[in-house]
């Protein structure tokens, strides 16, 4: 924990020093050393976590032990990230200073450090052949849609005709069943008389 606070203080002072005095740029060796230290911190965090994790499963409060090990690992990884970020800032500042020195040596002064905006895309004239092809495709699409609509109407008409035939057949069956029932009742009356 103390090491993390010391590291944070070091990073804050080095960033402030770079912002106040660009001539006092640290060299690339310091950035590389910070990157190496960050890698060592990451490796240490991972190896300690791997070494601590199996021991946690033997304890009574397994989850608490694992949470503490993860928290320690995360703290070290954050410190490593802070070192990596600061190393990248140093490299960037060094590269900018080197580019400015080279441009001054060549006699070119850069007044604009912003990223140039892209120019507008020129309007491409429409080709007659492309317009003709597009018109053909649109006509084909309209014809295909009309054909699809016609097929749907035919299917709907076929379903309606099938439904009408089915209803007519059902009505004939019902009529036949009614006639059969009347004949049956007539035979019963003839044989047994009026039983009411």
N, C-alpha and C. Protein backbone atom coordinates (compact mmCIF):
# COMPACT_ATOMS: atom_id res chain seq x y z
N UNK A 1 0.82 -1.19 0.00
CA UNK A 1 0.00 0.00 0.00
C UNK A 1 0.87 1.25 0.00
N UNK A 2 1.92 1.24 0.83
CA UNK A 2 2.83 2.38 0.90
C UNK A 2 3.54 2.56 -0.43
N UNK A 3 3.88 1.45 -1.05
CA UNK A 3 4.57 1.53 -2.34
C UNK A 3 3.65 2.14 -3.40
N UNK A 4 2.36 1.82 -3.35
CA UNK A 4 1.40 2.37 -4.30
C UNK A 4 1.27 3.88 -4.12
N UNK A 5 1.21 4.32 -2.87
CA UNK A 5 1.11 5.76 -2.63
C UNK A 5 2.38 6.48 -3.09
N UNK A 6 3.53 5.88 -2.83
CA UNK A 6 4.79 6.47 -3.27
C UNK A 6 4.82 6.55 -4.79
N UNK A 7 4.37 5.51 -5.43
CA UNK A 7 4.34 5.47 -6.89
C UNK A 7 3.40 6.55 -7.43
N UNK A 8 2.23 6.70 -6.82
CA UNK A 8 1.27 7.71 -7.27
C UNK A 8 1.86 9.11 -7.11
N UNK A 9 2.55 9.36 -6.00
CA UNK A 9 3.18 10.65 -5.77
C UNK A 9 4.27 10.91 -6.80
N UNK A 10 5.06 9.91 -7.11
CA UNK A 10 6.13 10.02 -8.12
C UNK A 10 5.53 10.36 -9.48
N UNK A 11 4.46 9.68 -9.83
CA UNK A 11 3.83 9.91 -11.13
C UNK A 11 3.24 11.31 -11.22
N UNK A 12 2.61 11.77 -10.15
CA UNK A 12 2.01 13.10 -10.16
C UNK A 12 3.07 14.17 -10.28
N UNK A 13 4.18 14.01 -9.56
CA UNK A 13 5.24 15.03 -9.63
C UNK A 13 5.93 15.01 -10.97
N UNK A 14 6.12 13.83 -11.56
CA UNK A 14 6.80 13.78 -12.87
C UNK A 14 5.91 14.36 -13.95
N UNK A 15 4.58 14.15 -13.89
CA UNK A 15 3.67 14.72 -14.87
C UNK A 15 3.64 16.23 -14.74
N UNK A 16 3.61 16.73 -13.50
CA UNK A 16 3.60 18.17 -13.29
C UNK A 16 4.91 18.79 -13.77
N UNK A 17 6.02 18.11 -13.54
CA UNK A 17 7.31 18.63 -13.98
C UNK A 17 7.38 18.70 -15.49
N UNK A 18 6.84 17.72 -16.16
CA UNK A 18 6.84 17.73 -17.63
C UNK A 18 5.98 18.86 -18.17
N UNK A 19 4.84 19.10 -17.53
CA UNK A 19 3.94 20.15 -18.00
C UNK A 19 4.56 21.53 -17.78
N UNK A 20 5.27 21.73 -16.64
CA UNK A 20 5.85 23.03 -16.33
C UNK A 20 7.11 23.32 -17.13
N UNK A 21 7.94 22.33 -17.31
CA UNK A 21 9.23 22.56 -17.96
C UNK A 21 9.47 21.49 -19.02
N UNK A 22 9.09 21.75 -20.28
CA UNK A 22 9.27 20.74 -21.29
C UNK A 22 10.74 20.47 -21.62
N UNK A 23 11.63 21.35 -21.23
CA UNK A 23 13.05 21.13 -21.50
C UNK A 23 13.62 20.04 -20.59
N UNK A 24 12.98 19.81 -19.45
CA UNK A 24 13.47 18.82 -18.49
C UNK A 24 12.86 17.46 -18.79
N UNK A 25 12.92 17.05 -20.02
CA UNK A 25 12.35 15.77 -20.41
C UNK A 25 13.23 14.63 -19.92
N UNK A 26 12.62 13.63 -19.32
CA UNK A 26 13.41 12.46 -18.94
C UNK A 26 13.78 11.67 -20.19
N UNK A 27 14.82 10.94 -20.09
CA UNK A 27 15.25 10.19 -21.27
C UNK A 27 14.47 8.89 -21.39
N UNK A 28 14.67 8.23 -22.52
CA UNK A 28 13.94 7.00 -22.79
C UNK A 28 14.35 5.87 -21.87
N UNK A 29 15.54 5.93 -21.31
CA UNK A 29 15.99 4.88 -20.40
C UNK A 29 15.10 4.83 -19.17
N UNK A 30 14.68 6.01 -18.69
CA UNK A 30 13.79 6.05 -17.54
C UNK A 30 12.44 5.43 -17.89
N UNK A 31 11.93 5.71 -19.10
CA UNK A 31 10.65 5.14 -19.53
C UNK A 31 10.76 3.62 -19.64
N UNK A 32 11.86 3.15 -20.19
CA UNK A 32 12.04 1.71 -20.32
C UNK A 32 12.17 1.04 -18.95
N UNK A 33 12.83 1.74 -18.03
CA UNK A 33 12.94 1.21 -16.67
C UNK A 33 11.56 1.13 -16.01
N UNK A 34 10.73 2.14 -16.26
CA UNK A 34 9.37 2.12 -15.70
C UNK A 34 8.57 0.97 -16.31
N UNK A 35 8.73 0.74 -17.61
CA UNK A 35 8.03 -0.37 -18.25
C UNK A 35 8.49 -1.71 -17.68
N UNK A 36 9.78 -1.84 -17.44
CA UNK A 36 10.31 -3.08 -16.87
C UNK A 36 9.77 -3.28 -15.46
N UNK A 37 9.72 -2.19 -14.68
CA UNK A 37 9.19 -2.29 -13.33
C UNK A 37 7.70 -2.65 -13.36
N UNK A 38 6.97 -2.10 -14.32
CA UNK A 38 5.54 -2.42 -14.45
C UNK A 38 5.37 -3.90 -14.78
N UNK A 39 6.20 -4.41 -15.68
CA UNK A 39 6.11 -5.83 -16.02
C UNK A 39 6.44 -6.69 -14.82
N UNK A 40 7.46 -6.28 -14.06
CA UNK A 40 7.83 -7.03 -12.86
C UNK A 40 6.69 -7.01 -11.84
N UNK A 41 6.01 -5.86 -11.70
CA UNK A 41 4.88 -5.76 -10.78
C UNK A 41 3.74 -6.68 -11.21
N UNK A 42 3.46 -6.70 -12.50
CA UNK A 42 2.40 -7.60 -13.01
C UNK A 42 2.75 -9.06 -12.74
N UNK A 43 4.00 -9.41 -13.06
CA UNK A 43 4.43 -10.79 -12.85
C UNK A 43 4.36 -11.17 -11.36
N UNK A 44 4.79 -10.25 -10.51
CA UNK A 44 4.74 -10.48 -9.07
C UNK A 44 3.30 -10.67 -8.60
N UNK A 45 2.39 -9.83 -9.10
CA UNK A 45 0.98 -9.92 -8.71
C UNK A 45 0.40 -11.27 -9.12
N UNK A 46 0.69 -11.69 -10.33
CA UNK A 46 0.15 -12.97 -10.81
C UNK A 46 0.75 -14.15 -10.04
N UNK A 47 2.08 -14.13 -9.84
CA UNK A 47 2.71 -15.26 -9.15
C UNK A 47 2.26 -15.35 -7.69
N UNK A 48 2.13 -14.20 -7.01
CA UNK A 48 1.67 -14.23 -5.63
C UNK A 48 0.22 -14.72 -5.56
N UNK A 49 -0.61 -14.30 -6.50
CA UNK A 49 -2.00 -14.75 -6.50
C UNK A 49 -2.06 -16.25 -6.72
N UNK A 50 -1.28 -16.76 -7.69
CA UNK A 50 -1.28 -18.21 -7.94
C UNK A 50 -0.75 -18.98 -6.73
N UNK A 51 0.19 -18.39 -6.00
CA UNK A 51 0.75 -19.07 -4.82
C UNK A 51 -0.23 -19.01 -3.64
N UNK A 52 -0.98 -17.93 -3.52
CA UNK A 52 -1.89 -17.74 -2.39
C UNK A 52 -3.20 -18.49 -2.57
N UNK A 53 -3.67 -18.59 -3.81
CA UNK A 53 -4.99 -19.15 -4.09
C UNK A 53 -5.18 -20.57 -3.55
N UNK A 54 -4.27 -21.51 -3.77
CA UNK A 54 -4.50 -22.86 -3.23
C UNK A 54 -4.58 -22.89 -1.70
N UNK A 55 -3.83 -22.02 -1.03
CA UNK A 55 -3.86 -21.98 0.43
C UNK A 55 -5.20 -21.48 0.95
N UNK A 56 -5.87 -20.65 0.16
CA UNK A 56 -7.18 -20.13 0.59
C UNK A 56 -8.21 -21.24 0.70
N UNK A 57 -8.10 -22.26 -0.12
CA UNK A 57 -9.09 -23.34 -0.11
C UNK A 57 -8.96 -24.23 1.13
N UNK A 58 -7.86 -24.08 1.86
CA UNK A 58 -7.67 -24.85 3.08
C UNK A 58 -8.17 -24.10 4.31
N UNK A 59 -8.50 -22.83 4.16
CA UNK A 59 -8.94 -22.00 5.28
C UNK A 59 -10.45 -22.13 5.50
N UNK A 60 -10.88 -21.62 6.65
CA UNK A 60 -12.29 -21.65 6.97
C UNK A 60 -13.07 -20.63 6.15
N UNK A 61 -12.56 -19.41 6.05
CA UNK A 61 -13.19 -18.33 5.28
C UNK A 61 -12.55 -18.27 3.89
N UNK A 62 -12.93 -19.20 3.05
CA UNK A 62 -12.31 -19.33 1.73
C UNK A 62 -12.55 -18.07 0.90
N UNK A 63 -13.79 -17.62 0.81
CA UNK A 63 -14.11 -16.48 -0.05
C UNK A 63 -13.42 -15.21 0.43
N UNK A 64 -13.32 -15.02 1.73
CA UNK A 64 -12.65 -13.82 2.25
C UNK A 64 -11.17 -13.84 1.87
N UNK A 65 -10.56 -14.98 2.00
CA UNK A 65 -9.14 -15.12 1.64
C UNK A 65 -8.94 -14.85 0.14
N UNK A 66 -9.82 -15.44 -0.68
CA UNK A 66 -9.71 -15.21 -2.14
C UNK A 66 -9.93 -13.74 -2.48
N UNK A 67 -10.90 -13.10 -1.84
CA UNK A 67 -11.16 -11.68 -2.10
C UNK A 67 -9.96 -10.82 -1.73
N UNK A 68 -9.33 -11.13 -0.61
CA UNK A 68 -8.15 -10.38 -0.20
C UNK A 68 -7.01 -10.58 -1.19
N UNK A 69 -6.83 -11.82 -1.65
CA UNK A 69 -5.76 -12.10 -2.61
C UNK A 69 -6.03 -11.37 -3.93
N UNK A 70 -7.29 -11.37 -4.36
CA UNK A 70 -7.64 -10.66 -5.59
C UNK A 70 -7.45 -9.15 -5.44
N UNK A 71 -7.81 -8.62 -4.28
CA UNK A 71 -7.66 -7.19 -4.04
C UNK A 71 -6.19 -6.78 -4.08
N UNK A 72 -5.32 -7.59 -3.47
CA UNK A 72 -3.89 -7.31 -3.50
C UNK A 72 -3.36 -7.37 -4.94
N UNK A 73 -3.80 -8.38 -5.67
CA UNK A 73 -3.39 -8.53 -7.07
C UNK A 73 -3.85 -7.32 -7.90
N UNK A 74 -5.08 -6.90 -7.69
CA UNK A 74 -5.63 -5.76 -8.43
C UNK A 74 -4.88 -4.48 -8.09
N UNK A 75 -4.53 -4.30 -6.84
CA UNK A 75 -3.78 -3.12 -6.42
C UNK A 75 -2.42 -3.06 -7.13
N UNK A 76 -1.76 -4.19 -7.21
CA UNK A 76 -0.45 -4.22 -7.88
C UNK A 76 -0.59 -4.00 -9.38
N UNK A 77 -1.65 -4.57 -9.97
CA UNK A 77 -1.86 -4.38 -11.41
C UNK A 77 -2.16 -2.91 -11.70
N UNK A 78 -2.93 -2.26 -10.84
CA UNK A 78 -3.20 -0.83 -11.02
C UNK A 78 -1.92 -0.01 -10.95
N UNK A 79 -1.06 -0.37 -10.01
CA UNK A 79 0.22 0.34 -9.90
C UNK A 79 1.05 0.12 -11.17
N UNK A 80 1.01 -1.10 -11.70
CA UNK A 80 1.75 -1.40 -12.93
C UNK A 80 1.17 -0.60 -14.09
N UNK A 81 -0.15 -0.50 -14.14
CA UNK A 81 -0.78 0.30 -15.20
C UNK A 81 -0.38 1.76 -15.11
N UNK A 82 -0.34 2.29 -13.90
CA UNK A 82 0.07 3.68 -13.72
C UNK A 82 1.50 3.88 -14.21
N UNK A 83 2.37 2.94 -13.91
CA UNK A 83 3.75 3.03 -14.40
C UNK A 83 3.80 2.98 -15.93
N UNK A 84 3.03 2.09 -16.51
CA UNK A 84 3.01 1.97 -17.97
C UNK A 84 2.49 3.24 -18.62
N UNK A 85 1.46 3.82 -18.05
CA UNK A 85 0.91 5.06 -18.60
C UNK A 85 1.94 6.17 -18.53
N UNK A 86 2.61 6.29 -17.40
CA UNK A 86 3.62 7.34 -17.27
C UNK A 86 4.79 7.10 -18.23
N UNK A 87 5.17 5.83 -18.42
CA UNK A 87 6.25 5.53 -19.37
C UNK A 87 5.83 5.91 -20.78
N UNK A 88 4.58 5.66 -21.13
CA UNK A 88 4.10 6.05 -22.47
C UNK A 88 4.09 7.56 -22.62
N UNK A 89 3.71 8.28 -21.56
CA UNK A 89 3.73 9.75 -21.62
C UNK A 89 5.14 10.27 -21.83
N UNK A 90 6.09 9.65 -21.13
CA UNK A 90 7.49 10.08 -21.29
C UNK A 90 7.96 9.82 -22.72
N UNK A 91 7.64 8.63 -23.25
CA UNK A 91 8.03 8.32 -24.63
C UNK A 91 7.40 9.30 -25.61
N UNK A 92 6.13 9.61 -25.42
CA UNK A 92 5.45 10.53 -26.31
C UNK A 92 6.07 11.92 -26.24
N UNK A 93 6.35 12.39 -25.02
CA UNK A 93 6.98 13.71 -24.86
C UNK A 93 8.36 13.72 -25.50
N UNK A 94 9.09 12.64 -25.32
CA UNK A 94 10.43 12.56 -25.92
C UNK A 94 10.34 12.56 -27.45
N UNK A 95 9.39 11.78 -28.00
CA UNK A 95 9.24 11.74 -29.46
C UNK A 95 8.82 13.09 -30.02
N UNK A 96 7.92 13.79 -29.31
CA UNK A 96 7.51 15.12 -29.77
C UNK A 96 8.67 16.09 -29.74
N UNK A 97 9.43 16.06 -28.64
CA UNK A 97 10.59 16.96 -28.53
C UNK A 97 11.61 16.66 -29.62
N UNK A 98 11.81 15.38 -29.89
CA UNK A 98 12.76 15.00 -30.94
C UNK A 98 12.28 15.46 -32.31
N UNK A 99 10.97 15.33 -32.57
CA UNK A 99 10.43 15.77 -33.86
C UNK A 99 10.52 17.28 -34.01
N UNK A 100 10.27 18.01 -32.91
CA UNK A 100 10.40 19.47 -32.97
C UNK A 100 11.85 19.88 -33.20
N UNK A 101 12.78 19.19 -32.55
CA UNK A 101 14.20 19.52 -32.74
C UNK A 101 14.62 19.25 -34.18
N UNK A 102 14.13 18.15 -34.76
CA UNK A 102 14.46 17.84 -36.14
C UNK A 102 13.86 18.87 -37.10
N UNK A 103 12.63 19.28 -36.83
CA UNK A 103 12.02 20.28 -37.71
C UNK A 103 12.70 21.63 -37.58
N UNK A 104 13.18 21.99 -36.36
CA UNK A 104 13.94 23.23 -36.19
C UNK A 104 15.26 23.15 -36.92
N UNK A 105 15.86 21.97 -36.90
CA UNK A 105 17.15 21.80 -37.59
C UNK A 105 16.97 21.92 -39.10
N UNK A 106 15.85 21.49 -39.60
CA UNK A 106 15.58 21.59 -41.04
C UNK A 106 15.08 22.98 -41.42
N UNK A 107 14.79 23.82 -40.42
CA UNK A 107 14.32 25.16 -40.70
C UNK A 107 12.82 25.24 -40.90
N UNK A 108 12.13 24.19 -40.60
CA UNK A 108 10.67 24.18 -40.74
C UNK A 108 10.08 24.34 -39.35
N UNK A 109 9.20 25.31 -39.21
CA UNK A 109 8.53 25.48 -37.93
C UNK A 109 7.10 25.02 -38.07
N UNK A 110 6.69 24.21 -37.14
CA UNK A 110 5.31 23.72 -37.16
C UNK A 110 4.48 24.63 -36.28
N UNK A 111 3.53 25.25 -36.88
CA UNK A 111 2.63 26.09 -36.10
C UNK A 111 1.36 25.35 -35.76
N UNK A 112 1.01 24.38 -36.60
CA UNK A 112 -0.23 23.64 -36.38
C UNK A 112 0.11 22.23 -35.96
N UNK A 113 -0.22 21.88 -34.71
CA UNK A 113 0.03 20.52 -34.25
C UNK A 113 -1.23 19.68 -34.24
N UNK A 114 -2.34 20.30 -34.65
CA UNK A 114 -3.60 19.56 -34.68
C UNK A 114 -3.62 18.62 -35.88
N UNK A 115 -4.45 17.65 -35.79
CA UNK A 115 -4.61 16.68 -36.87
C UNK A 115 -5.36 17.36 -38.01
N UNK A 116 -4.85 17.31 -39.21
CA UNK A 116 -5.54 17.98 -40.31
C UNK A 116 -6.88 17.30 -40.59
N UNK A 117 -7.86 18.12 -40.95
CA UNK A 117 -9.17 17.58 -41.28
C UNK A 117 -9.16 17.10 -42.72
N UNK A 118 -9.85 16.04 -43.00
CA UNK A 118 -9.87 15.53 -44.36
C UNK A 118 -10.64 16.48 -45.28
N UNK A 119 -10.24 16.51 -46.52
CA UNK A 119 -10.93 17.35 -47.48
C UNK A 119 -12.26 16.70 -47.85
N UNK A 120 -13.14 17.50 -48.38
CA UNK A 120 -14.45 16.98 -48.76
C UNK A 120 -14.31 16.00 -49.91
N UNK A 121 -15.13 15.02 -49.91
CA UNK A 121 -15.11 14.01 -50.97
C UNK A 121 -15.75 14.62 -52.21
N UNK A 122 -15.06 14.59 -53.33
CA UNK A 122 -15.64 15.20 -54.52
C UNK A 122 -16.86 14.43 -55.00
N UNK A 123 -17.79 15.16 -55.58
CA UNK A 123 -19.01 14.55 -56.10
C UNK A 123 -18.66 13.80 -57.37
N UNK A 124 -19.06 12.56 -57.42
CA UNK A 124 -18.78 11.72 -58.59
C UNK A 124 -19.96 11.84 -59.54
N UNK A 125 -19.72 12.17 -60.80
CA UNK A 125 -20.84 12.30 -61.73
C UNK A 125 -21.49 10.94 -61.97
N UNK A 126 -22.80 10.98 -62.16
CA UNK A 126 -23.55 9.75 -62.38
C UNK A 126 -23.35 9.31 -63.82
N UNK A 127 -22.99 8.08 -63.97
CA UNK A 127 -22.78 7.51 -65.29
C UNK A 127 -24.13 7.09 -65.87
N UNK A 128 -24.34 7.32 -67.17
CA UNK A 128 -25.60 6.94 -67.81
C UNK A 128 -25.82 5.43 -67.75
N UNK A 129 -24.76 4.67 -67.92
CA UNK A 129 -24.89 3.21 -67.89
C UNK A 129 -25.31 2.75 -66.50
N UNK A 130 -24.75 3.36 -65.48
CA UNK A 130 -25.11 3.00 -64.12
C UNK A 130 -26.56 3.36 -63.85
N UNK A 131 -26.99 4.53 -64.32
CA UNK A 131 -28.38 4.94 -64.14
C UNK A 131 -29.32 3.99 -64.86
N UNK A 132 -28.92 3.53 -66.05
CA UNK A 132 -29.74 2.60 -66.82
C UNK A 132 -29.85 1.26 -66.09
N UNK A 133 -28.73 0.78 -65.57
CA UNK A 133 -28.74 -0.49 -64.82
C UNK A 133 -29.61 -0.36 -63.58
N UNK A 134 -29.48 0.78 -62.87
CA UNK A 134 -30.28 1.00 -61.67
C UNK A 134 -31.77 1.02 -62.03
N UNK A 135 -32.13 1.68 -63.15
CA UNK A 135 -33.53 1.72 -63.58
C UNK A 135 -34.04 0.33 -63.92
N UNK A 136 -33.19 -0.48 -64.58
CA UNK A 136 -33.58 -1.85 -64.91
C UNK A 136 -33.83 -2.67 -63.64
N UNK A 137 -32.94 -2.54 -62.68
CA UNK A 137 -33.09 -3.28 -61.43
C UNK A 137 -34.35 -2.86 -60.68
N UNK A 138 -34.63 -1.56 -60.68
CA UNK A 138 -35.85 -1.09 -60.02
C UNK A 138 -37.08 -1.62 -60.72
N UNK A 139 -37.06 -1.66 -62.07
CA UNK A 139 -38.19 -2.19 -62.83
C UNK A 139 -38.36 -3.68 -62.54
N UNK A 140 -37.25 -4.42 -62.48
CA UNK A 140 -37.32 -5.84 -62.17
C UNK A 140 -37.88 -6.06 -60.77
N UNK A 141 -37.48 -5.21 -59.84
CA UNK A 141 -37.98 -5.33 -58.47
C UNK A 141 -39.49 -5.05 -58.43
N UNK A 142 -39.94 -4.03 -59.18
CA UNK A 142 -41.38 -3.74 -59.24
C UNK A 142 -42.15 -4.89 -59.86
N UNK A 143 -41.60 -5.47 -60.96
CA UNK A 143 -42.27 -6.60 -61.61
C UNK A 143 -42.35 -7.81 -60.68
N UNK A 144 -41.25 -8.06 -59.97
CA UNK A 144 -41.23 -9.19 -59.03
C UNK A 144 -42.25 -8.98 -57.92
N UNK A 145 -42.37 -7.75 -57.43
CA UNK A 145 -43.34 -7.46 -56.37
C UNK A 145 -44.76 -7.62 -56.90
N UNK A 146 -45.02 -7.16 -58.15
CA UNK A 146 -46.35 -7.31 -58.74
C UNK A 146 -46.70 -8.79 -58.91
N UNK A 147 -45.71 -9.58 -59.37
CA UNK A 147 -45.93 -11.02 -59.54
C UNK A 147 -46.23 -11.68 -58.20
N UNK A 148 -45.51 -11.27 -57.17
CA UNK A 148 -45.72 -11.84 -55.83
C UNK A 148 -47.11 -11.49 -55.33
N UNK A 149 -47.54 -10.25 -55.54
CA UNK A 149 -48.88 -9.84 -55.13
C UNK A 149 -49.95 -10.64 -55.88
N UNK A 150 -49.71 -10.85 -57.18
CA UNK A 150 -50.66 -11.61 -57.99
C UNK A 150 -50.75 -13.06 -57.49
N UNK A 151 -49.60 -13.65 -57.17
CA UNK A 151 -49.60 -15.02 -56.65
C UNK A 151 -50.32 -15.09 -55.31
N UNK A 152 -50.13 -14.09 -54.46
CA UNK A 152 -50.83 -14.07 -53.18
C UNK A 152 -52.34 -13.97 -53.38
N UNK A 153 -52.77 -13.15 -54.35
CA UNK A 153 -54.20 -13.02 -54.63
C UNK A 153 -54.76 -14.34 -55.15
N UNK A 154 -53.99 -15.02 -56.02
CA UNK A 154 -54.45 -16.31 -56.54
C UNK A 154 -54.56 -17.33 -55.41
N UNK A 155 -53.58 -17.33 -54.51
CA UNK A 155 -53.63 -18.26 -53.38
C UNK A 155 -54.84 -17.96 -52.50
N UNK A 156 -55.10 -16.66 -52.26
CA UNK A 156 -56.26 -16.30 -51.44
C UNK A 156 -57.55 -16.74 -52.12
N UNK A 157 -57.63 -16.55 -53.45
CA UNK A 157 -58.83 -16.96 -54.18
C UNK A 157 -59.01 -18.47 -54.13
N UNK A 158 -57.91 -19.21 -54.27
CA UNK A 158 -57.96 -20.68 -54.21
C UNK A 158 -58.43 -21.13 -52.83
N UNK A 159 -57.91 -20.50 -51.77
CA UNK A 159 -58.32 -20.86 -50.41
C UNK A 159 -59.80 -20.56 -50.20
N UNK A 160 -60.27 -19.42 -50.74
CA UNK A 160 -61.69 -19.08 -50.59
C UNK A 160 -62.55 -20.09 -51.33
N UNK A 161 -62.13 -20.50 -52.54
CA UNK A 161 -62.90 -21.49 -53.29
C UNK A 161 -62.90 -22.82 -52.55
N UNK A 162 -61.75 -23.23 -52.01
CA UNK A 162 -61.69 -24.48 -51.25
C UNK A 162 -62.59 -24.42 -50.03
N UNK A 163 -62.58 -23.27 -49.35
CA UNK A 163 -63.43 -23.10 -48.18
C UNK A 163 -64.91 -23.18 -48.56
N UNK A 164 -65.30 -22.54 -49.70
CA UNK A 164 -66.70 -22.57 -50.15
C UNK A 164 -67.12 -24.00 -50.49
N UNK A 165 -66.22 -24.75 -51.17
CA UNK A 165 -66.54 -26.15 -51.51
C UNK A 165 -66.69 -26.98 -50.23
N UNK A 166 -65.82 -26.74 -49.25
CA UNK A 166 -65.89 -27.50 -48.00
C UNK A 166 -67.19 -27.17 -47.26
N UNK A 167 -67.60 -25.92 -47.27
CA UNK A 167 -68.84 -25.54 -46.60
C UNK A 167 -70.05 -26.15 -47.32
N UNK A 168 -70.01 -26.16 -48.66
CA UNK A 168 -71.09 -26.75 -49.44
C UNK A 168 -71.21 -28.25 -49.18
N UNK A 169 -70.05 -28.92 -49.12
CA UNK A 169 -70.04 -30.36 -48.84
C UNK A 169 -70.58 -30.63 -47.44
N UNK A 170 -70.21 -29.78 -46.49
CA UNK A 170 -70.70 -29.96 -45.12
C UNK A 170 -72.21 -29.75 -45.07
N UNK A 171 -72.71 -28.78 -45.84
CA UNK A 171 -74.15 -28.53 -45.86
C UNK A 171 -74.88 -29.74 -46.48
N UNK A 172 -74.32 -30.32 -47.56
CA UNK A 172 -74.94 -31.51 -48.17
C UNK A 172 -74.94 -32.67 -47.19
N UNK A 173 -73.85 -32.86 -46.47
CA UNK A 173 -73.80 -33.95 -45.48
C UNK A 173 -74.82 -33.73 -44.38
N UNK A 174 -74.96 -32.50 -43.95
CA UNK A 174 -75.94 -32.20 -42.90
C UNK A 174 -77.36 -32.45 -43.41
N UNK A 175 -77.62 -32.06 -44.65
CA UNK A 175 -78.94 -32.29 -45.25
C UNK A 175 -79.22 -33.78 -45.38
N UNK A 176 -78.22 -34.54 -45.84
CA UNK A 176 -78.37 -35.98 -45.98
C UNK A 176 -78.61 -36.63 -44.62
N UNK A 177 -77.88 -36.16 -43.60
CA UNK A 177 -78.05 -36.71 -42.26
C UNK A 177 -79.46 -36.42 -41.74
N UNK A 178 -79.99 -35.24 -42.04
CA UNK A 178 -81.35 -34.89 -41.63
C UNK A 178 -82.37 -35.78 -42.33
N UNK A 179 -82.18 -36.01 -43.63
CA UNK A 179 -83.09 -36.91 -44.37
C UNK A 179 -83.02 -38.32 -43.82
N UNK A 180 -81.81 -38.79 -43.52
CA UNK A 180 -81.64 -40.14 -42.97
C UNK A 180 -82.33 -40.25 -41.62
N UNK A 181 -82.23 -39.23 -40.79
CA UNK A 181 -82.88 -39.25 -39.49
C UNK A 181 -84.40 -39.28 -39.65
N UNK A 182 -84.91 -38.48 -40.59
CA UNK A 182 -86.36 -38.48 -40.83
C UNK A 182 -86.83 -39.86 -41.32
N UNK A 183 -86.10 -40.49 -42.23
CA UNK A 183 -86.45 -41.83 -42.72
C UNK A 183 -86.42 -42.85 -41.60
N UNK A 184 -85.40 -42.73 -40.76
CA UNK A 184 -85.29 -43.65 -39.63
C UNK A 184 -86.48 -43.49 -38.70
N UNK A 185 -86.82 -42.22 -38.39
CA UNK A 185 -87.97 -41.98 -37.53
C UNK A 185 -89.27 -42.51 -38.17
N UNK A 186 -89.41 -42.36 -39.51
CA UNK A 186 -90.59 -42.85 -40.23
C UNK A 186 -90.69 -44.36 -40.13
N UNK A 187 -89.59 -45.07 -40.30
CA UNK A 187 -89.60 -46.53 -40.20
C UNK A 187 -89.97 -46.98 -38.79
N UNK A 188 -89.44 -46.26 -37.79
CA UNK A 188 -89.76 -46.60 -36.41
C UNK A 188 -91.27 -46.45 -36.19
N UNK A 189 -91.83 -45.38 -36.66
CA UNK A 189 -93.28 -45.16 -36.48
C UNK A 189 -94.09 -46.21 -37.22
N UNK A 190 -93.65 -46.60 -38.42
CA UNK A 190 -94.37 -47.61 -39.19
C UNK A 190 -94.32 -48.96 -38.46
N UNK A 191 -93.23 -49.30 -37.91
CA UNK A 191 -93.06 -50.59 -37.28
C UNK A 191 -93.73 -50.65 -35.93
N UNK A 192 -93.57 -49.63 -35.12
CA UNK A 192 -94.06 -49.69 -33.74
C UNK A 192 -95.26 -48.78 -33.53
N UNK A 193 -95.63 -48.04 -34.49
CA UNK A 193 -96.71 -47.10 -34.34
C UNK A 193 -96.24 -45.83 -33.66
N UNK A 194 -97.18 -45.00 -33.38
CA UNK A 194 -96.83 -43.73 -32.73
C UNK A 194 -96.66 -44.00 -31.24
N UNK A 195 -95.47 -43.96 -30.74
CA UNK A 195 -95.12 -44.36 -29.37
C UNK A 195 -95.13 -43.15 -28.44
N UNK A 196 -95.68 -42.16 -28.69
CA UNK A 196 -95.59 -41.01 -27.83
C UNK A 196 -96.46 -41.10 -26.69
